[in-house]
Amino acid sequence: MTAPAGKTAVVTGGTDGIGAATALRLRSLGADVIVVGRSTAKADALVARAAALPGPGSLRAITADFSSMRVVEEVVARLAGEIDAVDLLVHAVGILITRTEHTSEGIEKDFAVSYLSRFVFLEAAARHGLLHPDTRLVNIAASGPKIPSYARMEFGNLAEVESRVGMKSHGQAQLANDLLTAQVPQRYGITAIGYGPGAVDTSIRREVPAALRAIMQPFYAWRTRKPDEVARQIVDLLTDPTLAAGSATFHNRKGPFPPDGFITAPDRQRDLLRTSTALAGKALADREDGAR
């Protein structure tokens, strides 16, 4: 793939942290960037920063809460009315909560925001014809060459998936994103890059209780990177000419790695697809009922 100049890029979770840094870098290299984020204030500030950058690129923002799958579908429908296609897609949207909380659509909130919104976005984008064979996706998750035993959760039992809350739900969201990445080329016909950034200095842990943050801090402080450093690596992956079109590859801060067999197992990927479809259907049921 050539440089991002003239490409249309969409960054979810794009008004803060890794997403914002990646959006600004793409804009500085000439891309026309659309960021999606929940905070109007952060979106306005990012647009102002982007406007001060030289070059022909552009950046605009859509304010939306991706805890709602109906809102996700509305955003994709809006994009379909405004652009021809998405050339570069960065899924950076995500939260980290330790409490039990569900969305207004009945989905555990961390799983809804950090994973299901990404799946629903891809499904809707494919349905609206926004994806094409040269589209590249970077799906940010906890990608690593080895899935720890405690993180090897299954997705074949819907009730079990829905019962996971707090940190367990966050863990299954990260695992689900890697499983989604592995099946993106076959399902959507695009190139997928699973990316594990490691510890990054962002505000994702802002909703974690202060006492727990203090306990976690020593494990991350010595290896924490800045969002700008991560953004450079993400943009390099988006424009890497050696990546084969229609492939799924996995990378972290050290470079590419072969995915764990837990991620590449077709049966597990199918289980996730069935569960994701069921949960998306549950979230969208009210809208569909109202349309009849």
Protein backbone atom coordinates (compact mmCIF):
# COMPACT_ATOMS: atom_id res chain seq x y z
CA MET A 1 0.00 0.00 0.00
CA THR A 2 1.17 3.53 -0.77
CA ALA A 3 1.37 6.43 1.69
CA PRO A 4 -1.93 7.45 3.29
CA ALA A 5 -2.18 10.71 1.34
CA GLY A 6 -5.61 10.94 -0.26
CA LYS A 7 -6.91 7.86 1.58
CA THR A 8 -10.09 7.94 3.65
CA ALA A 9 -9.39 6.77 7.18
CA VAL A 10 -11.85 6.07 10.00
CA VAL A 11 -10.63 5.80 13.59
CA THR A 12 -13.05 4.59 16.26
CA GLY A 13 -12.16 5.68 19.77
CA GLY A 14 -10.40 8.44 17.89
CA THR A 15 -10.72 11.42 20.21
CA ASP A 16 -8.30 10.27 22.92
CA GLY A 17 -5.22 8.15 23.55
CA ILE A 18 -3.93 5.86 20.81
CA GLY A 19 -6.85 6.64 18.52
CA ALA A 20 -6.32 10.40 18.64
CA ALA A 21 -2.55 10.08 18.13
CA THR A 22 -3.09 7.78 15.15
CA ALA A 23 -5.71 10.10 13.64
CA LEU A 24 -3.36 13.10 13.88
CA ARG A 25 -0.50 11.16 12.33
CA LEU A 26 -2.67 10.00 9.43
CA ARG A 27 -3.90 13.58 8.95
CA SER A 28 -0.30 14.90 8.96
CA LEU A 29 0.52 12.42 6.17
CA GLY A 30 -2.33 13.65 3.99
CA ALA A 31 -5.20 11.30 4.79
CA ASP A 32 -8.79 12.45 5.09
CA VAL A 33 -9.59 11.24 8.59
CA ILE A 34 -12.92 10.74 10.33
CA VAL A 35 -12.70 10.10 14.04
CA VAL A 36 -15.54 8.67 16.10
CA GLY A 37 -15.60 9.35 19.83
CA ARG A 38 -17.94 9.94 22.73
CA SER A 39 -16.68 13.32 24.00
CA THR A 40 -17.69 16.45 22.10
CA ALA A 41 -15.09 18.52 23.96
CA LYS A 42 -12.27 16.12 23.05
CA ALA A 43 -13.50 15.92 19.46
CA ASP A 44 -13.54 19.72 19.10
CA ALA A 45 -10.03 19.99 20.58
CA LEU A 46 -8.69 17.31 18.23
CA VAL A 47 -10.24 18.95 15.17
CA ALA A 48 -8.62 22.24 16.18
CA ARG A 49 -5.21 20.56 16.55
CA ALA A 50 -5.59 18.89 13.17
CA ALA A 51 -6.55 22.15 11.48
CA ALA A 52 -3.19 23.63 12.49
CA LEU A 53 -1.24 20.89 10.71
CA PRO A 54 0.25 21.59 7.27
CA GLY A 55 -0.56 19.54 4.22
CA PRO A 56 -3.61 18.54 2.20
CA GLY A 57 -5.23 16.10 4.63
CA SER A 58 -8.31 16.74 6.72
CA LEU A 59 -9.85 15.61 9.99
CA ARG A 60 -13.40 15.75 11.20
CA ALA A 61 -15.23 14.12 14.05
CA ILE A 62 -18.47 12.28 14.67
CA THR A 63 -19.63 12.27 18.28
CA ALA A 64 -21.21 8.93 19.15
CA ASP A 65 -21.50 6.53 22.08
CA PHE A 66 -20.44 3.08 20.90
CA SER A 67 -21.95 1.35 23.91
CA SER A 68 -25.11 1.33 21.77
CA MET A 69 -25.14 -0.96 18.76
CA ARG A 70 -27.97 1.08 17.28
CA VAL A 71 -25.73 4.13 17.39
CA VAL A 72 -22.92 2.15 15.72
CA GLU A 73 -25.24 1.25 12.85
CA GLU A 74 -26.40 4.87 12.57
CA VAL A 75 -22.80 6.08 12.34
CA VAL A 76 -22.00 3.59 9.57
CA ALA A 77 -25.15 4.58 7.68
CA ARG A 78 -24.08 8.21 7.98
CA LEU A 79 -20.61 7.38 6.67
CA ALA A 80 -22.15 5.54 3.73
CA GLY A 81 -23.99 8.72 2.81
CA GLU A 82 -20.86 10.86 3.01
CA ILE A 83 -17.94 8.80 1.65
CA ASP A 84 -17.43 6.22 -1.08
CA ALA A 85 -15.34 3.77 0.93
CA VAL A 86 -13.14 3.28 3.96
CA ASP A 87 -9.54 2.73 2.90
CA LEU A 88 -7.99 2.60 6.37
CA LEU A 89 -9.87 1.56 9.50
CA VAL A 90 -8.43 1.68 13.00
CA HIS A 91 -10.54 0.16 15.77
CA ALA A 92 -9.20 1.78 18.94
CA VAL A 93 -12.51 2.13 20.77
CA GLY A 94 -12.50 0.50 24.19
CA ILE A 95 -13.02 0.95 27.91
CA LEU A 96 -11.84 -0.76 31.08
CA ILE A 97 -14.27 -1.11 33.98
CA THR A 98 -14.12 -3.39 36.99
CA ARG A 99 -17.73 -3.00 38.13
CA THR A 100 -20.76 -4.81 36.75
CA GLU A 101 -22.59 -2.58 34.29
CA HIS A 102 -24.86 -3.22 31.32
CA THR A 103 -25.87 -0.97 28.45
CA SER A 104 -29.40 0.19 27.74
CA GLU A 105 -29.52 -2.63 25.15
CA GLY A 106 -28.76 -5.28 27.79
CA ILE A 107 -25.13 -6.04 26.87
CA GLU A 108 -22.29 -6.06 29.41
CA LYS A 109 -20.76 -2.63 28.88
CA ASP A 110 -17.05 -3.43 28.53
CA PHE A 111 -17.74 -6.22 26.03
CA ALA A 112 -20.19 -3.98 24.16
CA VAL A 113 -17.79 -1.07 23.73
CA SER A 114 -14.46 -2.87 23.47
CA TYR A 115 -15.52 -5.67 21.12
CA LEU A 116 -19.14 -5.89 19.97
CA SER A 117 -19.21 -2.34 18.58
CA ARG A 118 -16.26 -3.23 16.34
CA PHE A 119 -18.02 -6.34 15.04
CA VAL A 120 -21.27 -4.44 14.39
CA PHE A 121 -19.33 -1.67 12.63
CA LEU A 122 -17.69 -4.17 10.27
CA GLU A 123 -20.96 -5.95 9.57
CA ALA A 124 -22.70 -2.67 8.76
CA ALA A 125 -19.75 -1.34 6.73
CA ALA A 126 -19.76 -4.49 4.61
CA ARG A 127 -23.52 -4.27 4.15
CA HIS A 128 -23.23 -0.64 2.99
CA GLY A 129 -20.39 -1.41 0.57
CA LEU A 130 -17.80 0.68 2.42
CA LEU A 131 -15.14 -2.04 2.41
CA HIS A 132 -13.08 -3.02 -0.62
CA PRO A 133 -10.21 -5.45 -1.30
CA ASP A 134 -7.58 -2.80 -0.53
CA THR A 135 -9.13 -1.75 2.78
CA ARG A 136 -6.82 -2.28 5.75
CA LEU A 137 -7.97 -2.72 9.33
CA VAL A 138 -5.87 -2.37 12.46
CA ASN A 139 -7.75 -3.99 15.33
CA ILE A 140 -6.16 -2.98 18.64
CA ALA A 141 -6.35 -5.68 21.30
CA ALA A 142 -4.09 -7.57 23.69
CA SER A 143 -2.43 -9.41 20.82
CA GLY A 144 0.47 -11.62 21.82
CA PRO A 145 2.12 -14.82 20.59
CA LYS A 146 0.89 -16.86 23.58
CA ILE A 147 -2.57 -16.77 25.15
CA PRO A 148 -2.20 -17.36 28.92
CA SER A 149 -4.22 -20.23 30.36
CA TYR A 150 -6.35 -17.87 32.48
CA ALA A 151 -7.34 -15.92 29.34
CA ARG A 152 -8.43 -18.94 27.26
CA MET A 153 -12.14 -18.28 27.39
CA GLU A 154 -14.63 -19.96 25.07
CA PHE A 155 -17.53 -18.34 23.19
CA GLY A 156 -19.75 -21.30 22.36
CA ASN A 157 -22.09 -20.82 25.33
CA LEU A 158 -23.96 -17.52 25.07
CA ALA A 159 -25.09 -17.58 28.69
CA GLU A 160 -21.51 -18.06 29.86
CA VAL A 161 -20.30 -15.18 27.71
CA GLU A 162 -23.00 -12.91 29.12
CA SER A 163 -22.14 -13.93 32.69
CA ARG A 164 -18.59 -12.57 32.47
CA VAL A 165 -18.33 -9.10 34.00
CA GLY A 166 -15.64 -6.72 35.19
CA MET A 167 -12.05 -7.63 34.38
CA LYS A 168 -13.13 -11.02 33.03
CA SER A 169 -15.36 -9.30 30.49
CA HIS A 170 -12.53 -6.97 29.50
CA GLY A 171 -10.28 -9.98 28.98
CA GLN A 172 -12.82 -11.76 26.82
CA ALA A 173 -13.27 -8.60 24.74
CA GLN A 174 -9.55 -8.52 23.97
CA LEU A 175 -9.57 -12.22 23.11
CA ALA A 176 -12.62 -11.75 20.91
CA ASN A 177 -10.89 -8.98 18.99
CA ASP A 178 -8.00 -11.28 18.13
CA LEU A 179 -10.43 -14.01 17.06
CA LEU A 180 -12.29 -11.45 14.96
CA THR A 181 -9.06 -10.29 13.31
CA ALA A 182 -8.24 -13.86 12.29
CA GLN A 183 -11.51 -14.25 10.37
CA VAL A 184 -11.80 -10.74 8.89
CA PRO A 185 -10.18 -11.54 5.50
CA GLN A 186 -12.50 -14.45 4.77
CA ARG A 187 -15.64 -12.73 6.06
CA TYR A 188 -15.12 -9.20 4.74
CA GLY A 189 -12.46 -9.56 2.04
CA ILE A 190 -10.08 -7.01 3.55
CA THR A 191 -6.62 -7.05 5.13
CA ALA A 192 -6.61 -7.33 8.93
CA ILE A 193 -3.84 -6.50 11.38
CA GLY A 194 -4.22 -7.51 15.02
CA TYR A 195 -2.10 -5.20 17.12
CA GLY A 196 -1.16 -5.43 20.77
CA PRO A 197 0.32 -2.10 21.90
CA GLY A 198 1.24 -3.22 25.41
CA ALA A 199 1.11 -0.66 28.21
CA VAL A 200 0.39 2.84 26.92
CA ASP A 201 -0.02 6.14 28.75
CA THR A 202 -3.72 6.73 28.10
CA SER A 203 -6.82 7.36 30.19
CA ILE A 204 -8.37 3.91 29.62
CA ARG A 205 -7.92 3.02 33.30
CA ARG A 206 -9.68 6.19 34.47
CA GLU A 207 -12.76 4.27 35.66
CA VAL A 208 -10.74 1.71 37.61
CA PRO A 209 -10.88 2.40 41.37
CA ALA A 210 -7.88 4.40 42.61
CA ALA A 211 -6.71 1.65 44.96
CA LEU A 212 -6.64 -0.89 42.13
CA ARG A 213 -4.85 1.55 39.82
CA ALA A 214 -2.18 1.97 42.48
CA ILE A 215 -1.70 -1.81 42.61
CA MET A 216 -1.51 -2.05 38.82
CA GLN A 217 0.89 0.87 38.38
CA PRO A 218 4.18 -0.93 39.18
CA PHE A 219 3.42 -3.60 36.59
CA TYR A 220 3.07 -1.01 33.81
CA ALA A 221 5.18 2.03 34.69
CA TRP A 222 8.57 0.72 33.54
CA ARG A 223 7.36 -0.34 30.09
CA THR A 224 4.67 2.24 29.34
CA ARG A 225 4.87 3.97 25.96
CA LYS A 226 3.39 7.26 24.78
CA PRO A 227 0.45 7.23 22.31
CA ASP A 228 2.53 9.01 19.64
CA GLU A 229 5.06 6.17 19.63
CA VAL A 230 2.30 3.60 19.23
CA ALA A 231 0.64 5.67 16.49
CA ARG A 232 3.81 5.62 14.41
CA GLN A 233 3.87 1.84 14.51
CA ILE A 234 0.19 1.58 13.63
CA VAL A 235 0.55 3.87 10.61
CA ASP A 236 3.63 1.92 9.50
CA LEU A 237 1.51 -1.24 9.56
CA LEU A 238 -1.32 0.43 7.66
CA THR A 239 1.09 1.36 4.89
CA ASP A 240 3.43 -1.66 4.95
CA PRO A 241 3.83 -2.77 1.30
CA THR A 242 4.97 -6.26 2.32
CA LEU A 243 1.61 -7.23 3.85
CA ALA A 244 -0.36 -9.40 1.46
CA ALA A 245 -3.82 -8.15 0.54
CA GLY A 246 -6.54 -10.23 2.16
CA SER A 247 -4.29 -11.55 4.91
CA ALA A 248 -4.58 -11.55 8.70
CA THR A 249 -1.36 -10.83 10.56
CA PHE A 250 -0.54 -10.13 14.20
CA HIS A 251 1.94 -7.64 15.61
CA ASN A 252 2.99 -6.11 18.89
CA ARG A 253 5.61 -3.56 19.92
CA LYS A 254 8.38 -6.04 19.02
CA GLY A 255 7.05 -6.76 15.53
CA PRO A 256 5.10 -9.55 13.80
CA PHE A 257 4.47 -12.92 15.40
CA PRO A 258 2.58 -16.13 14.54
CA PRO A 259 -0.76 -16.20 16.38
CA ASP A 260 -1.50 -18.77 19.05
CA GLY A 261 -3.39 -21.81 17.77
CA PHE A 262 -6.16 -20.84 20.18
CA ILE A 263 -6.85 -17.84 17.93
CA THR A 264 -6.63 -19.62 14.59
CA ALA A 265 -8.97 -22.52 15.49
CA PRO A 266 -11.89 -22.38 13.00
CA ASP A 267 -14.42 -23.87 15.45
CA ARG A 268 -13.66 -21.18 18.02
CA GLN A 269 -13.93 -18.46 15.40
CA ARG A 270 -17.33 -19.82 14.37
CA ASP A 271 -18.45 -19.90 18.01
CA LEU A 272 -17.54 -16.24 18.38
CA LEU A 273 -19.35 -15.35 15.16
CA ARG A 274 -22.54 -17.06 16.33
CA THR A 275 -22.36 -15.41 19.75
CA SER A 276 -21.57 -11.99 18.28
CA THR A 277 -24.49 -12.27 15.89
CA ALA A 278 -26.80 -13.26 18.73
CA LEU A 279 -25.70 -10.40 20.97
CA ALA A 280 -25.93 -7.87 18.15
CA GLY A 281 -29.42 -9.16 17.39
CA LYS A 282 -30.38 -8.74 21.04
CA ALA A 283 -29.08 -5.17 21.09
CA LEU A 284 -30.84 -4.24 17.85
CA ALA A 285 -34.10 -6.07 18.56
CA ASP A 286 -36.00 -2.97 19.72
CA ARG A 287 -35.06 -1.08 16.58
CA GLU A 288 -36.06 -3.98 14.36
CA ASP A 289 -39.34 -4.45 16.21
CA GLY A 290 -40.12 -0.78 15.81
CA ALA A 291 -39.43 -0.92 12.08
CA ARG A 292 -42.07 -3.57 11.47
